[in-house]
Amino acid sequence: MRYKTSPGKMYYSISEVSDMTNVKPHVLRYWETEFPTLRPKKNRAGNRSYRPKDIKAVLVIRDLLYKEKFTISGARKKLQEHYGNPDPIIKQMDIPFSDPHERHILLSIKEELEELRDELAQDIEEVAAATAAAMGDTSADGTTGKAQ
């Protein structure tokens, strides 16, 4: 199950997380005491501020407890096997590239795309400079060095 977050929003209240995950707020507060991976920050007023990684942890915990029928201690052990990082077991939620081999492929594609972006940026600068020179301009921003 996918959850929808607002673009650009970094923190969510406990009621928003409750609505997104279908887990009641009192259960979320209880899970904070049982699972070290679930530690939302608190703002100055003491209200919980959940980040997207906290929401992912809630979803993993919810699936372990409700879908896979783990006990709380069993789910805690399962999460601790992954050093508090729910990413390796998010695969059960159909999130792509959680497999280490697939993740490696994705990272290599990302590196290639970044190299292409840098090459394109350099090519654009060269074309802009050549165009400016061809038009008799002295700078690439299109302004001439001549007084008007």
C-alpha atoms as a PDB file:
ATOM      1  CA  MET A   1       0.000   0.000   0.000  1.00  0.00           C
ATOM      2  CA  ARG A   2       1.304   3.399  -0.929  1.00  0.00           C
ATOM      3  CA  TYR A   3       0.786   6.442   1.225  1.00  0.00           C
ATOM      4  CA  LYS A   4       0.410   9.933  -0.138  1.00  0.00           C
ATOM      5  CA  THR A   5       2.449  12.773   1.230  1.00  0.00           C
ATOM      6  CA  SER A   6       2.273  16.395   0.250  1.00  0.00           C
ATOM      7  CA  PRO A   7       5.130  17.538  -1.959  1.00  0.00           C
ATOM      8  CA  GLY A   8       7.521  19.750  -0.057  1.00  0.00           C
ATOM      9  CA  LYS A   9       6.021  18.863   3.323  1.00  0.00           C
ATOM     10  CA  MET A  10       8.630  17.490   5.688  1.00  0.00           C
ATOM     11  CA  TYR A  11       6.662  16.896   8.888  1.00  0.00           C
ATOM     12  CA  TYR A  12       3.255  15.396   9.610  1.00  0.00           C
ATOM     13  CA  SER A  13       1.143  15.430  12.766  1.00  0.00           C
ATOM     14  CA  ILE A  14       0.123  12.237  14.515  1.00  0.00           C
ATOM     15  CA  SER A  15      -3.442  12.626  13.218  1.00  0.00           C
ATOM     16  CA  GLU A  16      -2.199  12.971   9.619  1.00  0.00           C
ATOM     17  CA  VAL A  17      -0.036   9.865  10.020  1.00  0.00           C
ATOM     18  CA  SER A  18      -2.958   8.045  11.610  1.00  0.00           C
ATOM     19  CA  ASP A  19      -5.138   8.868   8.609  1.00  0.00           C
ATOM     20  CA  MET A  20      -2.422   7.876   6.110  1.00  0.00           C
ATOM     21  CA  THR A  21      -1.610   4.554   7.740  1.00  0.00           C
ATOM     22  CA  ASN A  22      -4.958   3.558   9.262  1.00  0.00           C
ATOM     23  CA  VAL A  23      -3.318   3.186  12.675  1.00  0.00           C
ATOM     24  CA  LYS A  24      -4.968   4.949  15.611  1.00  0.00           C
ATOM     25  CA  PRO A  25      -2.937   7.680  17.389  1.00  0.00           C
ATOM     26  CA  HIS A  26      -2.856   5.819  20.713  1.00  0.00           C
ATOM     27  CA  VAL A  27      -1.373   2.797  18.921  1.00  0.00           C
ATOM     28  CA  LEU A  28       1.281   5.001  17.290  1.00  0.00           C
ATOM     29  CA  ARG A  29       2.218   6.408  20.715  1.00  0.00           C
ATOM     30  CA  TYR A  30       2.431   2.876  22.121  1.00  0.00           C
ATOM     31  CA  TRP A  31       4.599   1.692  19.232  1.00  0.00           C
ATOM     32  CA  GLU A  32       7.044   4.511  20.010  1.00  0.00           C
ATOM     33  CA  THR A  33       7.670   2.846  23.377  1.00  0.00           C
ATOM     34  CA  GLU A  34       8.142  -0.592  21.817  1.00  0.00           C
ATOM     35  CA  PHE A  35      10.127   0.093  18.637  1.00  0.00           C
ATOM     36  CA  PRO A  36      13.392   2.058  18.799  1.00  0.00           C
ATOM     37  CA  THR A  37      13.174   2.711  15.034  1.00  0.00           C
ATOM     38  CA  LEU A  38      10.046   4.784  15.563  1.00  0.00           C
ATOM     39  CA  ARG A  39      11.077   8.019  17.246  1.00  0.00           C
ATOM     40  CA  PRO A  40       9.316  11.032  15.734  1.00  0.00           C
ATOM     41  CA  LYS A  41      10.703  14.421  16.696  1.00  0.00           C
ATOM     42  CA  LYS A  42       8.666  16.679  18.937  1.00  0.00           C
ATOM     43  CA  ASN A  43       8.184  20.371  18.285  1.00  0.00           C
ATOM     44  CA  ARG A  44       8.373  23.101  20.927  1.00  0.00           C
ATOM     45  CA  ALA A  45       4.786  22.462  21.954  1.00  0.00           C
ATOM     46  CA  GLY A  46       5.596  18.770  22.471  1.00  0.00           C
ATOM     47  CA  ASN A  47       3.555  17.589  19.484  1.00  0.00           C
ATOM     48  CA  ARG A  48       4.957  14.717  17.452  1.00  0.00           C
ATOM     49  CA  SER A  49       6.335  15.602  14.026  1.00  0.00           C
ATOM     50  CA  TYR A  50       6.594  12.545  11.805  1.00  0.00           C
ATOM     51  CA  ARG A  51       9.018  12.595   8.881  1.00  0.00           C
ATOM     52  CA  PRO A  52       8.546  10.414   5.775  1.00  0.00           C
ATOM     53  CA  LYS A  53      11.056   7.896   7.170  1.00  0.00           C
ATOM     54  CA  ASP A  54       8.952   7.644  10.341  1.00  0.00           C
ATOM     55  CA  ILE A  55       5.858   7.000   8.231  1.00  0.00           C
ATOM     56  CA  LYS A  56       7.693   4.227   6.359  1.00  0.00           C
ATOM     57  CA  ALA A  57       8.651   2.689   9.709  1.00  0.00           C
ATOM     58  CA  VAL A  58       4.999   2.816  10.831  1.00  0.00           C
ATOM     59  CA  LEU A  59       3.941   1.061   7.627  1.00  0.00           C
ATOM     60  CA  VAL A  60       6.559  -1.657   8.071  1.00  0.00           C
ATOM     61  CA  ILE A  61       5.611  -2.189  11.717  1.00  0.00           C
ATOM     62  CA  ARG A  62       1.914  -2.250  10.827  1.00  0.00           C
ATOM     63  CA  ASP A  63       2.499  -4.865   8.117  1.00  0.00           C
ATOM     64  CA  LEU A  64       4.678  -7.021  10.379  1.00  0.00           C
ATOM     65  CA  LEU A  65       2.080  -6.961  13.153  1.00  0.00           C
ATOM     66  CA  TYR A  66      -1.189  -7.069  11.232  1.00  0.00           C
ATOM     67  CA  LYS A  67      -0.442  -8.769   7.906  1.00  0.00           C
ATOM     68  CA  GLU A  68       2.379 -11.129   8.826  1.00  0.00           C
ATOM     69  CA  LYS A  69       1.030 -11.706  12.365  1.00  0.00           C
ATOM     70  CA  PHE A  70       4.327 -11.090  14.169  1.00  0.00           C
ATOM     71  CA  THR A  71       4.232 -10.465  17.893  1.00  0.00           C
ATOM     72  CA  ILE A  72       5.596  -7.122  19.054  1.00  0.00           C
ATOM     73  CA  SER A  73       8.832  -8.733  20.227  1.00  0.00           C
ATOM     74  CA  GLY A  74       9.116 -10.670  16.957  1.00  0.00           C
ATOM     75  CA  ALA A  75       8.578  -7.529  14.908  1.00  0.00           C
ATOM     76  CA  ARG A  76      11.125  -5.676  17.064  1.00  0.00           C
ATOM     77  CA  LYS A  77      13.689  -8.443  16.436  1.00  0.00           C
ATOM     78  CA  LYS A  78      12.956  -8.382  12.712  1.00  0.00           C
ATOM     79  CA  LEU A  79      13.573  -4.629  12.630  1.00  0.00           C
ATOM     80  CA  GLN A  80      16.720  -4.931  14.777  1.00  0.00           C
ATOM     81  CA  GLU A  81      18.136  -7.462  12.284  1.00  0.00           C
ATOM     82  CA  HIS A  82      18.223  -4.565   9.877  1.00  0.00           C
ATOM     83  CA  TYR A  83      19.885  -2.151  12.368  1.00  0.00           C
ATOM     84  CA  GLY A  84      16.842   0.008  12.763  1.00  0.00           C
ATOM     85  CA  ASN A  85      16.579   0.576   9.022  1.00  0.00           C
ATOM     86  CA  PRO A  86      13.224  -0.606   7.660  1.00  0.00           C
ATOM     87  CA  ASP A  87      14.398  -0.333   4.025  1.00  0.00           C
ATOM     88  CA  PRO A  88      15.362  -4.001   3.550  1.00  0.00           C
ATOM     89  CA  ILE A  89      11.929  -5.220   4.593  1.00  0.00           C
ATOM     90  CA  ILE A  90       9.976  -2.576   2.746  1.00  0.00           C
ATOM     91  CA  LYS A  91      10.004  -4.994  -0.198  1.00  0.00           C
ATOM     92  CA  GLN A  92       6.881  -6.541   1.311  1.00  0.00           C
ATOM     93  CA  MET A  93       5.175  -3.212   0.562  1.00  0.00           C
ATOM     94  CA  ASP A  94       6.093  -3.452  -3.143  1.00  0.00           C
ATOM     95  CA  ILE A  95       8.510  -0.525  -3.104  1.00  0.00           C
ATOM     96  CA  PRO A  96      11.009  -1.141  -5.938  1.00  0.00           C
ATOM     97  CA  PHE A  97      14.785  -1.400  -5.578  1.00  0.00           C
ATOM     98  CA  SER A  98      14.907  -2.606  -1.993  1.00  0.00           C
ATOM     99  CA  ASP A  99      17.013  -5.596  -3.140  1.00  0.00           C
ATOM    100  CA  PRO A 100      20.754  -4.799  -2.787  1.00  0.00           C
ATOM    101  CA  HIS A 101      21.514  -5.905  -6.368  1.00  0.00           C
ATOM    102  CA  GLU A 102      18.653  -3.814  -7.760  1.00  0.00           C
ATOM    103  CA  ARG A 103      19.750  -0.881  -5.586  1.00  0.00           C
ATOM    104  CA  HIS A 104      23.283  -1.171  -7.032  1.00  0.00           C
ATOM    105  CA  ILE A 105      21.853  -1.034 -10.560  1.00  0.00           C
ATOM    106  CA  LEU A 106      19.775   2.013  -9.666  1.00  0.00           C
ATOM    107  CA  LEU A 107      22.785   3.797  -8.155  1.00  0.00           C
ATOM    108  CA  SER A 108      24.906   3.121 -11.241  1.00  0.00           C
ATOM    109  CA  ILE A 109      22.120   4.490 -13.465  1.00  0.00           C
ATOM    110  CA  LYS A 110      21.943   7.565 -11.223  1.00  0.00           C
ATOM    111  CA  GLU A 111      25.705   8.122 -11.584  1.00  0.00           C
ATOM    112  CA  GLU A 112      25.473   7.831 -15.376  1.00  0.00           C
ATOM    113  CA  LEU A 113      22.591  10.314 -15.469  1.00  0.00           C
ATOM    114  CA  GLU A 114      24.539  12.777 -13.327  1.00  0.00           C
ATOM    115  CA  GLU A 115      27.519  12.491 -15.704  1.00  0.00           C
ATOM    116  CA  LEU A 116      25.231  13.105 -18.695  1.00  0.00           C
ATOM    117  CA  ARG A 117      23.705  16.131 -16.947  1.00  0.00           C
ATOM    118  CA  ASP A 118      27.159  17.589 -16.336  1.00  0.00           C
ATOM    119  CA  GLU A 119      28.206  16.968 -19.954  1.00  0.00           C
ATOM    120  CA  LEU A 120      25.029  18.615 -21.229  1.00  0.00           C
ATOM    121  CA  ALA A 121      25.550  21.635 -18.993  1.00  0.00           C
ATOM    122  CA  GLN A 122      29.077  22.008 -20.334  1.00  0.00           C
ATOM    123  CA  ASP A 123      27.833  21.662 -23.939  1.00  0.00           C
ATOM    124  CA  ILE A 124      25.175  24.321 -23.333  1.00  0.00           C
ATOM    125  CA  GLU A 125      27.812  26.713 -21.999  1.00  0.00           C
ATOM    126  CA  GLU A 126      30.007  26.076 -25.047  1.00  0.00           C
ATOM    127  CA  VAL A 127      27.095  26.640 -27.455  1.00  0.00           C
ATOM    128  CA  ALA A 128      26.122  29.848 -25.654  1.00  0.00           C
ATOM    129  CA  ALA A 129      29.700  31.121 -25.833  1.00  0.00           C
ATOM    130  CA  ALA A 130      29.993  30.213 -29.535  1.00  0.00           C
ATOM    131  CA  THR A 131      26.652  31.878 -30.304  1.00  0.00           C
ATOM    132  CA  ALA A 132      27.668  35.014 -28.453  1.00  0.00           C
ATOM    133  CA  ALA A 133      30.995  35.119 -30.285  1.00  0.00           C
ATOM    134  CA  ALA A 134      29.263  34.630 -33.647  1.00  0.00           C
ATOM    135  CA  MET A 135      26.914  37.519 -32.929  1.00  0.00           C
ATOM    136  CA  GLY A 136      29.800  39.793 -32.026  1.00  0.00           C
ATOM    137  CA  ASP A 137      28.999  39.761 -28.323  1.00  0.00           C
ATOM    138  CA  THR A 138      31.737  39.644 -25.744  1.00  0.00           C
ATOM    139  CA  SER A 139      29.772  37.722 -23.122  1.00  0.00           C
ATOM    140  CA  ALA A 140      27.565  34.606 -23.143  1.00  0.00           C
ATOM    141  CA  ASP A 141      24.623  36.410 -21.531  1.00  0.00           C
ATOM    142  CA  GLY A 142      23.743  38.209 -24.752  1.00  0.00           C
ATOM    143  CA  THR A 143      24.891  41.692 -23.713  1.00  0.00           C
ATOM    144  CA  THR A 144      27.307  43.515 -25.908  1.00  0.00           C
ATOM    145  CA  GLY A 145      30.303  45.347 -24.706  1.00  0.00           C
ATOM    146  CA  LYS A 146      29.331  48.336 -26.857  1.00  0.00           C
ATOM    147  CA  ALA A 147      27.944  51.495 -25.313  1.00  0.00           C
ATOM    148  CA  GLN A 148      24.455  52.364 -26.478  1.00  0.00           C
END
